[in-house]
Amino acid sequence: MNRTLYTLVMYALLFLGLYFFLIRPQKKRVKEAQNMLNELELGDTIVTIGGLYGVISEIDETAGTIVLECDGIYLTFDRRAVRQVISKAESKRTTSVEDLKPEEDQDAKSEGSPSVADEDEQD
């Protein structure tokens, strides 16, 4: 009986070791790769699994493909062929509050005080 219990404990420890050293890290890598593929955007610079560098010019969600622009040549790849994102596309410019203010306020301020050009015209 004692020997059977020892054998079961050894198998359990072996299974736990395999889980923590092999299965769990593999699941983490798969999850990170899936997140990378889901975050692909137009303009991202990527490397394919074949070593081809290019910029994403089109993403087809339904077919699961991307179109890369490589020095004027457009190539279609399966989305899973992306190995690494080298650089993300520049984020779109956001509008600030100052950009939304009407320009009349700025014109009114300049009309209140005479400019150098106005003084030259009066002479």
PDB file of N, CA and C in Angstrom:
ATOM      1  N   MET A   1       0.812  -1.192   0.000  1.00  0.00           N
ATOM      2  CA  MET A   1       0.000   0.000   0.000  1.00  0.00           C
ATOM      3  C   MET A   1       0.856   1.257   0.000  1.00  0.00           C
ATOM      4  N   ASN A   2       1.878   1.243   0.788  1.00  0.00           N
ATOM      5  CA  ASN A   2       2.746   2.397   0.906  1.00  0.00           C
ATOM      6  C   ASN A   2       3.452   2.697  -0.411  1.00  0.00           C
ATOM      7  N   ARG A   3       3.828   1.660  -1.101  1.00  0.00           N
ATOM      8  CA  ARG A   3       4.529   1.805  -2.376  1.00  0.00           C
ATOM      9  C   ARG A   3       3.601   2.355  -3.447  1.00  0.00           C
ATOM     10  N   THR A   4       2.345   1.965  -3.453  1.00  0.00           N
ATOM     11  CA  THR A   4       1.361   2.458  -4.409  1.00  0.00           C
ATOM     12  C   THR A   4       1.102   3.947  -4.183  1.00  0.00           C
ATOM     13  N   LEU A   5       1.003   4.353  -2.942  1.00  0.00           N
ATOM     14  CA  LEU A   5       0.788   5.756  -2.617  1.00  0.00           C
ATOM     15  C   LEU A   5       1.985   6.595  -3.064  1.00  0.00           C
ATOM     16  N   TYR A   6       3.179   6.100  -2.847  1.00  0.00           N
ATOM     17  CA  TYR A   6       4.394   6.783  -3.268  1.00  0.00           C
ATOM     18  C   TYR A   6       4.402   6.956  -4.790  1.00  0.00           C
ATOM     19  N   THR A   7       4.017   5.945  -5.509  1.00  0.00           N
ATOM     20  CA  THR A   7       3.977   6.008  -6.971  1.00  0.00           C
ATOM     21  C   THR A   7       2.951   7.034  -7.452  1.00  0.00           C
ATOM     22  N   LEU A   8       1.780   7.062  -6.829  1.00  0.00           N
ATOM     23  CA  LEU A   8       0.758   8.034  -7.199  1.00  0.00           C
ATOM     24  C   LEU A   8       1.215   9.472  -6.925  1.00  0.00           C
ATOM     25  N   VAL A   9       1.877   9.668  -5.808  1.00  0.00           N
ATOM     26  CA  VAL A   9       2.390  11.002  -5.466  1.00  0.00           C
ATOM     27  C   VAL A   9       3.450  11.428  -6.490  1.00  0.00           C
ATOM     28  N   MET A  10       4.305  10.541  -6.898  1.00  0.00           N
ATOM     29  CA  MET A  10       5.340  10.858  -7.889  1.00  0.00           C
ATOM     30  C   MET A  10       4.718  11.226  -9.241  1.00  0.00           C
ATOM     31  N   TYR A  11       3.696  10.489  -9.656  1.00  0.00           N
ATOM     32  CA  TYR A  11       3.012  10.813 -10.901  1.00  0.00           C
ATOM     33  C   TYR A  11       2.318  12.183 -10.816  1.00  0.00           C
ATOM     34  N   ALA A  12       1.718  12.467  -9.668  1.00  0.00           N
ATOM     35  CA  ALA A  12       1.059  13.760  -9.483  1.00  0.00           C
ATOM     36  C   ALA A  12       2.074  14.898  -9.540  1.00  0.00           C
ATOM     37  N   LEU A  13       3.228  14.712  -8.891  1.00  0.00           N
ATOM     38  CA  LEU A  13       4.274  15.732  -8.937  1.00  0.00           C
ATOM     39  C   LEU A  13       4.820  15.902 -10.357  1.00  0.00           C
ATOM     40  N   LEU A  14       4.954  14.808 -11.077  1.00  0.00           N
ATOM     41  CA  LEU A  14       5.416  14.879 -12.463  1.00  0.00           C
ATOM     42  C   LEU A  14       4.423  15.649 -13.322  1.00  0.00           C
ATOM     43  N   PHE A  15       3.139  15.372 -13.146  1.00  0.00           N
ATOM     44  CA  PHE A  15       2.108  16.082 -13.910  1.00  0.00           C
ATOM     45  C   PHE A  15       2.097  17.573 -13.569  1.00  0.00           C
ATOM     46  N   LEU A  16       2.194  17.923 -12.291  1.00  0.00           N
ATOM     47  CA  LEU A  16       2.235  19.327 -11.887  1.00  0.00           C
ATOM     48  C   LEU A  16       3.455  20.036 -12.453  1.00  0.00           C
ATOM     49  N   GLY A  17       4.588  19.355 -12.434  1.00  0.00           N
ATOM     50  CA  GLY A  17       5.808  19.940 -13.014  1.00  0.00           C
ATOM     51  C   GLY A  17       5.650  20.198 -14.503  1.00  0.00           C
ATOM     52  N   LEU A  18       5.099  19.232 -15.218  1.00  0.00           N
ATOM     53  CA  LEU A  18       4.861  19.427 -16.655  1.00  0.00           C
ATOM     54  C   LEU A  18       3.896  20.575 -16.903  1.00  0.00           C
ATOM     55  N   TYR A  19       2.861  20.670 -16.082  1.00  0.00           N
ATOM     56  CA  TYR A  19       1.879  21.730 -16.262  1.00  0.00           C
ATOM     57  C   TYR A  19       2.522  23.107 -16.067  1.00  0.00           C
ATOM     58  N   PHE A  20       3.257  23.289 -14.992  1.00  0.00           N
ATOM     59  CA  PHE A  20       3.813  24.607 -14.682  1.00  0.00           C
ATOM     60  C   PHE A  20       5.015  24.973 -15.558  1.00  0.00           C
ATOM     61  N   PHE A  21       5.730  23.997 -16.085  1.00  0.00           N
ATOM     62  CA  PHE A  21       6.908  24.312 -16.885  1.00  0.00           C
ATOM     63  C   PHE A  21       6.676  24.219 -18.386  1.00  0.00           C
ATOM     64  N   LEU A  22       5.636  23.544 -18.834  1.00  0.00           N
ATOM     65  CA  LEU A  22       5.415  23.382 -20.268  1.00  0.00           C
ATOM     66  C   LEU A  22       4.051  23.907 -20.730  1.00  0.00           C
ATOM     67  N   ILE A  23       2.989  23.453 -20.123  1.00  0.00           N
ATOM     68  CA  ILE A  23       1.643  23.762 -20.618  1.00  0.00           C
ATOM     69  C   ILE A  23       1.266  25.210 -20.334  1.00  0.00           C
ATOM     70  N   ARG A  24       1.456  25.678 -19.128  1.00  0.00           N
ATOM     71  CA  ARG A  24       1.054  27.028 -18.759  1.00  0.00           C
ATOM     72  C   ARG A  24       1.814  28.104 -19.541  1.00  0.00           C
ATOM     73  N   PRO A  25       3.145  28.041 -19.673  1.00  0.00           N
ATOM     74  CA  PRO A  25       3.847  29.055 -20.477  1.00  0.00           C
ATOM     75  C   PRO A  25       3.423  29.030 -21.949  1.00  0.00           C
ATOM     76  N   GLN A  26       3.128  27.853 -22.479  1.00  0.00           N
ATOM     77  CA  GLN A  26       2.680  27.763 -23.867  1.00  0.00           C
ATOM     78  C   GLN A  26       1.331  28.457 -24.046  1.00  0.00           C
ATOM     79  N   LYS A  27       0.416  28.280 -23.101  1.00  0.00           N
ATOM     80  CA  LYS A  27      -0.879  28.962 -23.178  1.00  0.00           C
ATOM     81  C   LYS A  27      -0.700  30.471 -23.122  1.00  0.00           C
ATOM     82  N   LYS A  28       0.244  30.933 -22.302  1.00  0.00           N
ATOM     83  CA  LYS A  28       0.509  32.367 -22.189  1.00  0.00           C
ATOM     84  C   LYS A  28       1.048  32.922 -23.508  1.00  0.00           C
ATOM     85  N   ARG A  29       1.963  32.201 -24.162  1.00  0.00           N
ATOM     86  CA  ARG A  29       2.516  32.652 -25.458  1.00  0.00           C
ATOM     87  C   ARG A  29       1.434  32.694 -26.527  1.00  0.00           C
ATOM     88  N   VAL A  30       0.541  31.709 -26.521  1.00  0.00           N
ATOM     89  CA  VAL A  30      -0.544  31.682 -27.510  1.00  0.00           C
ATOM     90  C   VAL A  30      -1.486  32.866 -27.289  1.00  0.00           C
ATOM     91  N   LYS A  31      -1.778  33.168 -26.041  1.00  0.00           N
ATOM     92  CA  LYS A  31      -2.660  34.291 -25.729  1.00  0.00           C
ATOM     93  C   LYS A  31      -2.022  35.615 -26.154  1.00  0.00           C
ATOM     94  N   GLU A  32      -0.735  35.801 -25.908  1.00  0.00           N
ATOM     95  CA  GLU A  32      -0.039  37.025 -26.320  1.00  0.00           C
ATOM     96  C   GLU A  32      -0.020  37.154 -27.842  1.00  0.00           C
ATOM     97  N   ALA A  33       0.211  36.059 -28.550  1.00  0.00           N
ATOM     98  CA  ALA A  33       0.224  36.102 -30.014  1.00  0.00           C
ATOM     99  C   ALA A  33      -1.160  36.454 -30.551  1.00  0.00           C
ATOM    100  N   GLN A  34      -2.200  35.918 -29.947  1.00  0.00           N
ATOM    101  CA  GLN A  34      -3.563  36.230 -30.382  1.00  0.00           C
ATOM    102  C   GLN A  34      -3.885  37.699 -30.150  1.00  0.00           C
ATOM    103  N   ASN A  35      -3.458  38.230 -29.012  1.00  0.00           N
ATOM    104  CA  ASN A  35      -3.672  39.655 -28.736  1.00  0.00           C
ATOM    105  C   ASN A  35      -2.936  40.525 -29.751  1.00  0.00           C
ATOM    106  N   MET A  36      -1.711  40.144 -30.122  1.00  0.00           N
ATOM    107  CA  MET A  36      -0.946  40.896 -31.112  1.00  0.00           C
ATOM    108  C   MET A  36      -1.688  40.908 -32.451  1.00  0.00           C
ATOM    109  N   LEU A  37      -2.224  39.751 -32.860  1.00  0.00           N
ATOM    110  CA  LEU A  37      -2.933  39.674 -34.139  1.00  0.00           C
ATOM    111  C   LEU A  37      -4.236  40.474 -34.103  1.00  0.00           C
ATOM    112  N   ASN A  38      -4.897  40.503 -32.964  1.00  0.00           N
ATOM    113  CA  ASN A  38      -6.142  41.259 -32.850  1.00  0.00           C
ATOM    114  C   ASN A  38      -5.910  42.763 -32.862  1.00  0.00           C
ATOM    115  N   GLU A  39      -4.724  43.213 -32.462  1.00  0.00           N
ATOM    116  CA  GLU A  39      -4.429  44.634 -32.383  1.00  0.00           C
ATOM    117  C   GLU A  39      -3.768  45.185 -33.648  1.00  0.00           C
ATOM    118  N   LEU A  40      -3.662  44.396 -34.692  1.00  0.00           N
ATOM    119  CA  LEU A  40      -3.064  44.890 -35.933  1.00  0.00           C
ATOM    120  C   LEU A  40      -3.911  46.007 -36.514  1.00  0.00           C
ATOM    121  N   GLU A  41      -3.243  47.052 -37.025  1.00  0.00           N
ATOM    122  CA  GLU A  41      -3.926  48.193 -37.607  1.00  0.00           C
ATOM    123  C   GLU A  41      -3.256  48.564 -38.925  1.00  0.00           C
ATOM    124  N   LEU A  42      -3.972  49.321 -39.729  1.00  0.00           N
ATOM    125  CA  LEU A  42      -3.395  49.825 -40.969  1.00  0.00           C
ATOM    126  C   LEU A  42      -2.199  50.707 -40.634  1.00  0.00           C
ATOM    127  N   GLY A  43      -1.122  50.539 -41.377  1.00  0.00           N
ATOM    128  CA  GLY A  43       0.075  51.344 -41.166  1.00  0.00           C
ATOM    129  C   GLY A  43       1.102  50.723 -40.250  1.00  0.00           C
ATOM    130  N   ASP A  44       0.778  49.614 -39.578  1.00  0.00           N
ATOM    131  CA  ASP A  44       1.749  48.940 -38.726  1.00  0.00           C
ATOM    132  C   ASP A  44       2.848  48.323 -39.575  1.00  0.00           C
ATOM    133  N   THR A  45       4.088  48.426 -39.105  1.00  0.00           N
ATOM    134  CA  THR A  45       5.212  47.762 -39.760  1.00  0.00           C
ATOM    135  C   THR A  45       5.401  46.418 -39.079  1.00  0.00           C
ATOM    136  N   ILE A  46       5.412  45.334 -39.878  1.00  0.00           N
ATOM    137  CA  ILE A  46       5.459  43.980 -39.315  1.00  0.00           C
ATOM    138  C   ILE A  46       6.530  43.144 -39.996  1.00  0.00           C
ATOM    139  N   VAL A  47       6.787  41.978 -39.405  1.00  0.00           N
ATOM    140  CA  VAL A  47       7.648  40.957 -40.001  1.00  0.00           C
ATOM    141  C   VAL A  47       6.819  39.683 -40.083  1.00  0.00           C
ATOM    142  N   THR A  48       6.835  39.033 -41.237  1.00  0.00           N
ATOM    143  CA  THR A  48       6.106  37.782 -41.392  1.00  0.00           C
ATOM    144  C   THR A  48       6.964  36.618 -40.905  1.00  0.00           C
ATOM    145  N   ILE A  49       6.373  35.427 -40.828  1.00  0.00           N
ATOM    146  CA  ILE A  49       7.122  34.258 -40.386  1.00  0.00           C
ATOM    147  C   ILE A  49       8.199  33.870 -41.390  1.00  0.00           C
ATOM    148  N   GLY A  50       8.080  34.376 -42.608  1.00  0.00           N
ATOM    149  CA  GLY A  50       9.099  34.128 -43.629  1.00  0.00           C
ATOM    150  C   GLY A  50      10.210  35.160 -43.637  1.00  0.00           C
ATOM    151  N   GLY A  51      10.102  36.183 -42.764  1.00  0.00           N
ATOM    152  CA  GLY A  51      11.145  37.198 -42.670  1.00  0.00           C
ATOM    153  C   GLY A  51      10.924  38.409 -43.559  1.00  0.00           C
ATOM    154  N   LEU A  52       9.742  38.554 -44.130  1.00  0.00           N
ATOM    155  CA  LEU A  52       9.444  39.686 -45.010  1.00  0.00           C
ATOM    156  C   LEU A  52       8.955  40.864 -44.178  1.00  0.00           C
ATOM    157  N   TYR A  53       9.598  42.030 -44.375  1.00  0.00           N
ATOM    158  CA  TYR A  53       9.204  43.248 -43.689  1.00  0.00           C
ATOM    159  C   TYR A  53       8.244  44.014 -44.582  1.00  0.00           C
ATOM    160  N   GLY A  54       7.186  44.594 -43.988  1.00  0.00           N
ATOM    161  CA  GLY A  54       6.245  45.366 -44.776  1.00  0.00           C
ATOM    162  C   GLY A  54       5.321  46.181 -43.894  1.00  0.00           C
ATOM    163  N   VAL A  55       4.532  47.025 -44.563  1.00  0.00           N
ATOM    164  CA  VAL A  55       3.566  47.882 -43.884  1.00  0.00           C
ATOM    165  C   VAL A  55       2.169  47.396 -44.250  1.00  0.00           C
ATOM    166  N   ILE A  56       1.302  47.243 -43.266  1.00  0.00           N
ATOM    167  CA  ILE A  56      -0.062  46.762 -43.521  1.00  0.00           C
ATOM    168  C   ILE A  56      -0.837  47.848 -44.253  1.00  0.00           C
ATOM    169  N   SER A  57      -1.359  47.510 -45.426  1.00  0.00           N
ATOM    170  CA  SER A  57      -2.149  48.473 -46.183  1.00  0.00           C
ATOM    171  C   SER A  57      -3.625  48.100 -46.232  1.00  0.00           C
ATOM    172  N   GLU A  58      -3.948  46.847 -45.880  1.00  0.00           N
ATOM    173  CA  GLU A  58      -5.345  46.421 -45.889  1.00  0.00           C
ATOM    174  C   GLU A  58      -5.503  45.234 -44.950  1.00  0.00           C
ATOM    175  N   ILE A  59      -6.620  45.196 -44.239  1.00  0.00           N
ATOM    176  CA  ILE A  59      -6.941  44.079 -43.348  1.00  0.00           C
ATOM    177  C   ILE A  59      -8.331  43.586 -43.703  1.00  0.00           C
ATOM    178  N   ASP A  60      -8.435  42.283 -44.013  1.00  0.00           N
ATOM    179  CA  ASP A  60      -9.728  41.676 -44.324  1.00  0.00           C
ATOM    180  C   ASP A  60     -10.104  40.752 -43.175  1.00  0.00           C
ATOM    181  N   GLU A  61     -11.022  41.227 -42.332  1.00  0.00           N
ATOM    182  CA  GLU A  61     -11.421  40.468 -41.150  1.00  0.00           C
ATOM    183  C   GLU A  61     -12.153  39.174 -41.506  1.00  0.00           C
ATOM    184  N   THR A  62     -12.985  39.223 -42.545  1.00  0.00           N
ATOM    185  CA  THR A  62     -13.785  38.039 -42.881  1.00  0.00           C
ATOM    186  C   THR A  62     -12.930  36.921 -43.451  1.00  0.00           C
ATOM    187  N   ALA A  63     -11.984  37.256 -44.301  1.00  0.00           N
ATOM    188  CA  ALA A  63     -11.118  36.235 -44.898  1.00  0.00           C
ATOM    189  C   ALA A  63      -9.908  35.922 -44.021  1.00  0.00           C
ATOM    190  N   GLY A  64      -9.631  36.788 -43.033  1.00  0.00           N
ATOM    191  CA  GLY A  64      -8.476  36.565 -42.160  1.00  0.00           C
ATOM    192  C   GLY A  64      -7.160  36.817 -42.851  1.00  0.00           C
ATOM    193  N   THR A  65      -7.131  37.792 -43.767  1.00  0.00           N
ATOM    194  CA  THR A  65      -5.909  38.095 -44.506  1.00  0.00           C
ATOM    195  C   THR A  65      -5.511  39.547 -44.300  1.00  0.00           C
ATOM    196  N   ILE A  66      -4.247  39.828 -44.590  1.00  0.00           N
ATOM    197  CA  ILE A  66      -3.733  41.194 -44.603  1.00  0.00           C
ATOM    198  C   ILE A  66      -2.992  41.407 -45.907  1.00  0.00           C
ATOM    199  N   VAL A  67      -2.940  42.637 -46.358  1.00  0.00           N
ATOM    200  CA  VAL A  67      -2.175  42.994 -47.544  1.00  0.00           C
ATOM    201  C   VAL A  67      -1.021  43.867 -47.084  1.00  0.00           C
ATOM    202  N   LEU A  68       0.204  43.448 -47.432  1.00  0.00           N
ATOM    203  CA  LEU A  68       1.402  44.188 -47.067  1.00  0.00           C
ATOM    204  C   LEU A  68       1.912  44.964 -48.262  1.00  0.00           C
ATOM    205  N   GLU A  69       2.400  46.163 -47.986  1.00  0.00           N
ATOM    206  CA  GLU A  69       3.041  46.969 -49.011  1.00  0.00           C
ATOM    207  C   GLU A  69       4.533  46.915 -48.733  1.00  0.00           C
ATOM    208  N   CYS A  70       5.274  46.339 -49.687  1.00  0.00           N
ATOM    209  CA  CYS A  70       6.714  46.184 -49.550  1.00  0.00           C
ATOM    210  C   CYS A  70       7.389  46.854 -50.742  1.00  0.00           C
ATOM    211  N   ASP A  71       7.834  48.090 -50.568  1.00  0.00           N
ATOM    212  CA  ASP A  71       8.498  48.854 -51.624  1.00  0.00           C
ATOM    213  C   ASP A  71       7.680  48.893 -52.901  1.00  0.00           C
ATOM    214  N   GLY A  72       6.399  49.180 -52.789  1.00  0.00           N
ATOM    215  CA  GLY A  72       5.534  49.331 -53.952  1.00  0.00           C
ATOM    216  C   GLY A  72       4.897  48.039 -54.440  1.00  0.00           C
ATOM    217  N   ILE A  73       5.221  46.930 -53.818  1.00  0.00           N
ATOM    218  CA  ILE A  73       4.640  45.633 -54.196  1.00  0.00           C
ATOM    219  C   ILE A  73       3.657  45.237 -53.102  1.00  0.00           C
ATOM    220  N   TYR A  74       2.458  44.863 -53.505  1.00  0.00           N
ATOM    221  CA  TYR A  74       1.417  44.490 -52.545  1.00  0.00           C
ATOM    222  C   TYR A  74       1.279  42.973 -52.518  1.00  0.00           C
ATOM    223  N   LEU A  75       1.426  42.404 -51.326  1.00  0.00           N
ATOM    224  CA  LEU A  75       1.366  40.962 -51.138  1.00  0.00           C
ATOM    225  C   LEU A  75       0.292  40.621 -50.108  1.00  0.00           C
ATOM    226  N   THR A  76      -0.470  39.563 -50.387  1.00  0.00           N
ATOM    227  CA  THR A  76      -1.525  39.125 -49.480  1.00  0.00           C
ATOM    228  C   THR A  76      -1.025  37.945 -48.648  1.00  0.00           C
ATOM    229  N   PHE A  77      -1.237  38.042 -47.332  1.00  0.00           N
ATOM    230  CA  PHE A  77      -0.810  36.998 -46.413  1.00  0.00           C
ATOM    231  C   PHE A  77      -1.965  36.628 -45.497  1.00  0.00           C
ATOM    232  N   ASP A  78      -1.914  35.417 -44.981  1.00  0.00           N
ATOM    233  CA  ASP A  78      -2.822  35.021 -43.922  1.00  0.00           C
ATOM    234  C   ASP A  78      -2.439  35.812 -42.677  1.00  0.00           C
ATOM    235  N   ARG A  79      -3.422  36.199 -41.918  1.00  0.00           N
ATOM    236  CA  ARG A  79      -3.176  37.022 -40.737  1.00  0.00           C
ATOM    237  C   ARG A  79      -2.246  36.321 -39.740  1.00  0.00           C
ATOM    238  N   ARG A  80      -2.333  35.006 -39.680  1.00  0.00           N
ATOM    239  CA  ARG A  80      -1.489  34.253 -38.745  1.00  0.00           C
ATOM    240  C   ARG A  80      -0.029  34.195 -39.181  1.00  0.00           C
ATOM    241  N   ALA A  81       0.289  34.725 -40.362  1.00  0.00           N
ATOM    242  CA  ALA A  81       1.666  34.725 -40.840  1.00  0.00           C
ATOM    243  C   ALA A  81       2.487  35.857 -40.243  1.00  0.00           C
ATOM    244  N   VAL A  82       1.874  36.696 -39.421  1.00  0.00           N
ATOM    245  CA  VAL A  82       2.593  37.793 -38.781  1.00  0.00           C
ATOM    246  C   VAL A  82       3.352  37.245 -37.587  1.00  0.00           C
ATOM    247  N   ARG A  83       4.658  37.476 -37.582  1.00  0.00           N
ATOM    248  CA  ARG A  83       5.478  37.018 -36.464  1.00  0.00           C
ATOM    249  C   ARG A  83       5.653  38.102 -35.414  1.00  0.00           C
ATOM    250  N   GLN A  84       5.849  39.357 -35.879  1.00  0.00           N
ATOM    251  CA  GLN A  84       6.183  40.408 -34.935  1.00  0.00           C
ATOM    252  C   GLN A  84       5.750  41.761 -35.491  1.00  0.00           C
ATOM    253  N   VAL A  85       5.302  42.641 -34.609  1.00  0.00           N
ATOM    254  CA  VAL A  85       5.002  44.021 -34.984  1.00  0.00           C
ATOM    255  C   VAL A  85       6.224  44.848 -34.630  1.00  0.00           C
ATOM    256  N   ILE A  86       6.831  45.461 -35.661  1.00  0.00           N
ATOM    257  CA  ILE A  86       8.033  46.262 -35.459  1.00  0.00           C
ATOM    258  C   ILE A  86       7.677  47.633 -34.901  1.00  0.00           C
ATOM    259  N   SER A  87       6.716  48.311 -35.533  1.00  0.00           N
ATOM    260  CA  SER A  87       6.274  49.610 -35.043  1.00  0.00           C
ATOM    261  C   SER A  87       4.794  49.774 -35.342  1.00  0.00           C
ATOM    262  N   LYS A  88       4.110  50.402 -34.392  1.00  0.00           N
ATOM    263  CA  LYS A  88       2.682  50.655 -34.547  1.00  0.00           C
ATOM    264  C   LYS A  88       2.499  51.883 -35.424  1.00  0.00           C
ATOM    265  N   ALA A  89       1.325  51.955 -36.067  1.00  0.00           N
ATOM    266  CA  ALA A  89       0.988  53.111 -36.884  1.00  0.00           C
ATOM    267  C   ALA A  89       0.851  54.323 -35.983  1.00  0.00           C
ATOM    268  N   GLU A  90       1.167  55.494 -36.539  1.00  0.00           N
ATOM    269  CA  GLU A  90       1.015  56.717 -35.756  1.00  0.00           C
ATOM    270  C   GLU A  90      -0.447  56.906 -35.416  1.00  0.00           C
ATOM    271  N   SER A  91      -0.693  57.290 -34.176  1.00  0.00           N
ATOM    272  CA  SER A  91      -2.074  57.464 -33.755  1.00  0.00           C
ATOM    273  C   SER A  91      -2.678  58.658 -34.474  1.00  0.00           C
ATOM    274  N   LYS A  92      -3.978  58.599 -34.648  1.00  0.00           N
ATOM    275  CA  LYS A  92      -4.673  59.671 -35.327  1.00  0.00           C
ATOM    276  C   LYS A  92      -4.628  60.925 -34.466  1.00  0.00           C
ATOM    277  N   ARG A  93      -4.496  62.073 -35.114  1.00  0.00           N
ATOM    278  CA  ARG A  93      -4.402  63.340 -34.413  1.00  0.00           C
ATOM    279  C   ARG A  93      -5.728  63.642 -33.728  1.00  0.00           C
ATOM    280  N   THR A  94      -5.653  64.026 -32.469  1.00  0.00           N
ATOM    281  CA  THR A  94      -6.857  64.374 -31.736  1.00  0.00           C
ATOM    282  C   THR A  94      -7.052  65.878 -31.800  1.00  0.00           C
ATOM    283  N   THR A  95      -8.269  66.313 -31.698  1.00  0.00           N
ATOM    284  CA  THR A  95      -8.597  67.728 -31.744  1.00  0.00           C
ATOM    285  C   THR A  95      -8.572  68.279 -30.332  1.00  0.00           C
ATOM    286  N   SER A  96      -7.875  69.382 -30.143  1.00  0.00           N
ATOM    287  CA  SER A  96      -7.827  70.002 -28.829  1.00  0.00           C
ATOM    288  C   SER A  96      -8.945  71.028 -28.704  1.00  0.00           C
ATOM    289  N   VAL A  97      -9.148  71.491 -27.496  1.00  0.00           N
ATOM    290  CA  VAL A  97     -10.196  72.471 -27.230  1.00  0.00           C
ATOM    291  C   VAL A  97      -9.884  73.784 -27.951  1.00  0.00           C
ATOM    292  N   GLU A  98      -8.617  74.168 -28.028  1.00  0.00           N
ATOM    293  CA  GLU A  98      -8.227  75.408 -28.696  1.00  0.00           C
ATOM    294  C   GLU A  98      -8.561  75.360 -30.190  1.00  0.00           C
ATOM    295  N   ASP A  99      -8.478  74.167 -30.784  1.00  0.00           N
ATOM    296  CA  ASP A  99      -8.804  74.032 -32.204  1.00  0.00           C
ATOM    297  C   ASP A  99     -10.292  74.237 -32.459  1.00  0.00           C
ATOM    298  N   LEU A 100     -11.123  74.000 -31.451  1.00  0.00           N
ATOM    299  CA  LEU A 100     -12.566  74.109 -31.622  1.00  0.00           C
ATOM    300  C   LEU A 100     -13.086  75.523 -31.398  1.00  0.00           C
ATOM    301  N   LYS A 101     -12.273  76.387 -30.795  1.00  0.00           N
ATOM    302  CA  LYS A 101     -12.709  77.759 -30.545  1.00  0.00           C
ATOM    303  C   LYS A 101     -12.847  78.503 -31.867  1.00  0.00           C
ATOM    304  N   PRO A 102     -13.857  79.362 -31.990  1.00  0.00           N
ATOM    305  CA  PRO A 102     -14.020  80.109 -33.238  1.00  0.00           C
ATOM    306  C   PRO A 102     -12.878  81.091 -33.439  1.00  0.00           C
ATOM    307  N   GLU A 103     -12.545  81.335 -34.691  1.00  0.00           N
ATOM    308  CA  GLU A 103     -11.446  82.226 -35.020  1.00  0.00           C
ATOM    309  C   GLU A 103     -11.823  83.682 -34.828  1.00  0.00           C
ATOM    310  N   GLU A 104     -13.098  84.002 -34.680  1.00  0.00           N
ATOM    311  CA  GLU A 104     -13.543  85.373 -34.497  1.00  0.00           C
ATOM    312  C   GLU A 104     -12.948  85.976 -33.240  1.00  0.00           C
ATOM    313  N   ASP A 105     -12.792  85.165 -32.173  1.00  0.00           N
ATOM    314  CA  ASP A 105     -12.219  85.671 -30.934  1.00  0.00           C
ATOM    315  C   ASP A 105     -10.797  86.145 -31.154  1.00  0.00           C
ATOM    316  N   GLN A 106     -10.048  85.424 -31.948  1.00  0.00           N
ATOM    317  CA  GLN A 106      -8.678  85.807 -32.228  1.00  0.00           C
ATOM    318  C   GLN A 106      -8.635  87.060 -33.095  1.00  0.00           C
ATOM    319  N   ASP A 107      -9.564  87.191 -34.067  1.00  0.00           N
ATOM    320  CA  ASP A 107      -9.616  88.362 -34.927  1.00  0.00           C
ATOM    321  C   ASP A 107     -10.017  89.591 -34.131  1.00  0.00           C
ATOM    322  N   ALA A 108     -10.940  89.457 -33.182  1.00  0.00           N
ATOM    323  CA  ALA A 108     -11.400  90.575 -32.369  1.00  0.00           C
ATOM    324  C   ALA A 108     -10.275  91.111 -31.497  1.00  0.00           C
ATOM    325  N   LYS A 109      -9.435  90.216 -30.991  1.00  0.00           N
ATOM    326  CA  LYS A 109      -8.321  90.651 -30.161  1.00  0.00           C
ATOM    327  C   LYS A 109      -7.327  91.462 -30.988  1.00  0.00           C
ATOM    328  N   SER A 110      -7.082  91.044 -32.224  1.00  0.00           N
ATOM    329  CA  SER A 110      -6.112  91.753 -33.053  1.00  0.00           C
ATOM    330  C   SER A 110      -6.669  93.074 -33.566  1.00  0.00           C
ATOM    331  N   GLU A 111      -8.005  93.231 -33.688  1.00  0.00           N
ATOM    332  CA  GLU A 111      -8.607  94.478 -34.149  1.00  0.00           C
ATOM    333  C   GLU A 111      -8.555  95.539 -33.069  1.00  0.00           C
ATOM    334  N   GLY A 112      -8.541  95.171 -31.817  1.00  0.00           N
ATOM    335  CA  GLY A 112      -8.552  96.120 -30.723  1.00  0.00           C
ATOM    336  C   GLY A 112      -7.263  96.912 -30.631  1.00  0.00           C
ATOM    337  N   SER A 113      -6.140  96.335 -30.944  1.00  0.00           N
ATOM    338  CA  SER A 113      -4.872  97.052 -30.883  1.00  0.00           C
ATOM    339  C   SER A 113      -4.326  97.202 -32.295  1.00  0.00           C
ATOM    340  N   PRO A 114      -3.848  98.386 -32.652  1.00  0.00           N
ATOM    341  CA  PRO A 114      -3.350  98.595 -34.002  1.00  0.00           C
ATOM    342  C   PRO A 114      -2.054  97.836 -34.223  1.00  0.00           C
ATOM    343  N   SER A 115      -1.911  97.287 -35.390  1.00  0.00           N
ATOM    344  CA  SER A 115      -0.711  96.548 -35.712  1.00  0.00           C
ATOM    345  C   SER A 115       0.284  97.476 -36.379  1.00  0.00           C
ATOM    346  N   VAL A 116       1.471  96.989 -36.641  1.00  0.00           N
ATOM    347  CA  VAL A 116       2.519  97.780 -37.285  1.00  0.00           C
ATOM    348  C   VAL A 116       2.088  98.141 -38.709  1.00  0.00           C
ATOM    349  N   ALA A 117       1.412  97.246 -39.390  1.00  0.00           N
ATOM    350  CA  ALA A 117       0.980  97.507 -40.747  1.00  0.00           C
ATOM    351  C   ALA A 117      -0.048  98.638 -40.771  1.00  0.00           C
ATOM    352  N   ASP A 118      -0.928  98.705 -39.761  1.00  0.00           N
ATOM    353  CA  ASP A 118      -1.930  99.757 -39.682  1.00  0.00           C
ATOM    354  C   ASP A 118      -1.282 101.122 -39.468  1.00  0.00           C
ATOM    355  N   GLU A 119      -0.226 101.165 -38.663  1.00  0.00           N
ATOM    356  CA  GLU A 119       0.452 102.434 -38.402  1.00  0.00           C
ATOM    357  C   GLU A 119       1.149 102.940 -39.644  1.00  0.00           C
ATOM    358  N   ASP A 120       1.694 102.022 -40.458  1.00  0.00           N
ATOM    359  CA  ASP A 120       2.370 102.451 -41.693  1.00  0.00           C
ATOM    360  C   ASP A 120       1.393 103.033 -42.671  1.00  0.00           C
ATOM    361  N   GLU A 121       0.171 102.512 -42.722  1.00  0.00           N
ATOM    362  CA  GLU A 121      -0.829 103.000 -43.639  1.00  0.00           C
ATOM    363  C   GLU A 121      -1.308 104.388 -43.252  1.00  0.00           C
ATOM    364  N   GLN A 122      -1.331 104.709 -41.960  1.00  0.00           N
ATOM    365  CA  GLN A 122      -1.809 106.004 -41.497  1.00  0.00           C
ATOM    366  C   GLN A 122      -0.816 107.100 -41.824  1.00  0.00           C
ATOM    367  N   ASP A 123       0.456 106.824 -41.948  1.00  0.00           N
ATOM    368  CA  ASP A 123       1.477 107.839 -42.235  1.00  0.00           C
ATOM    369  C   ASP A 123       1.454 108.265 -43.631  1.00  0.00           C
TER     370      ASP A 123
END
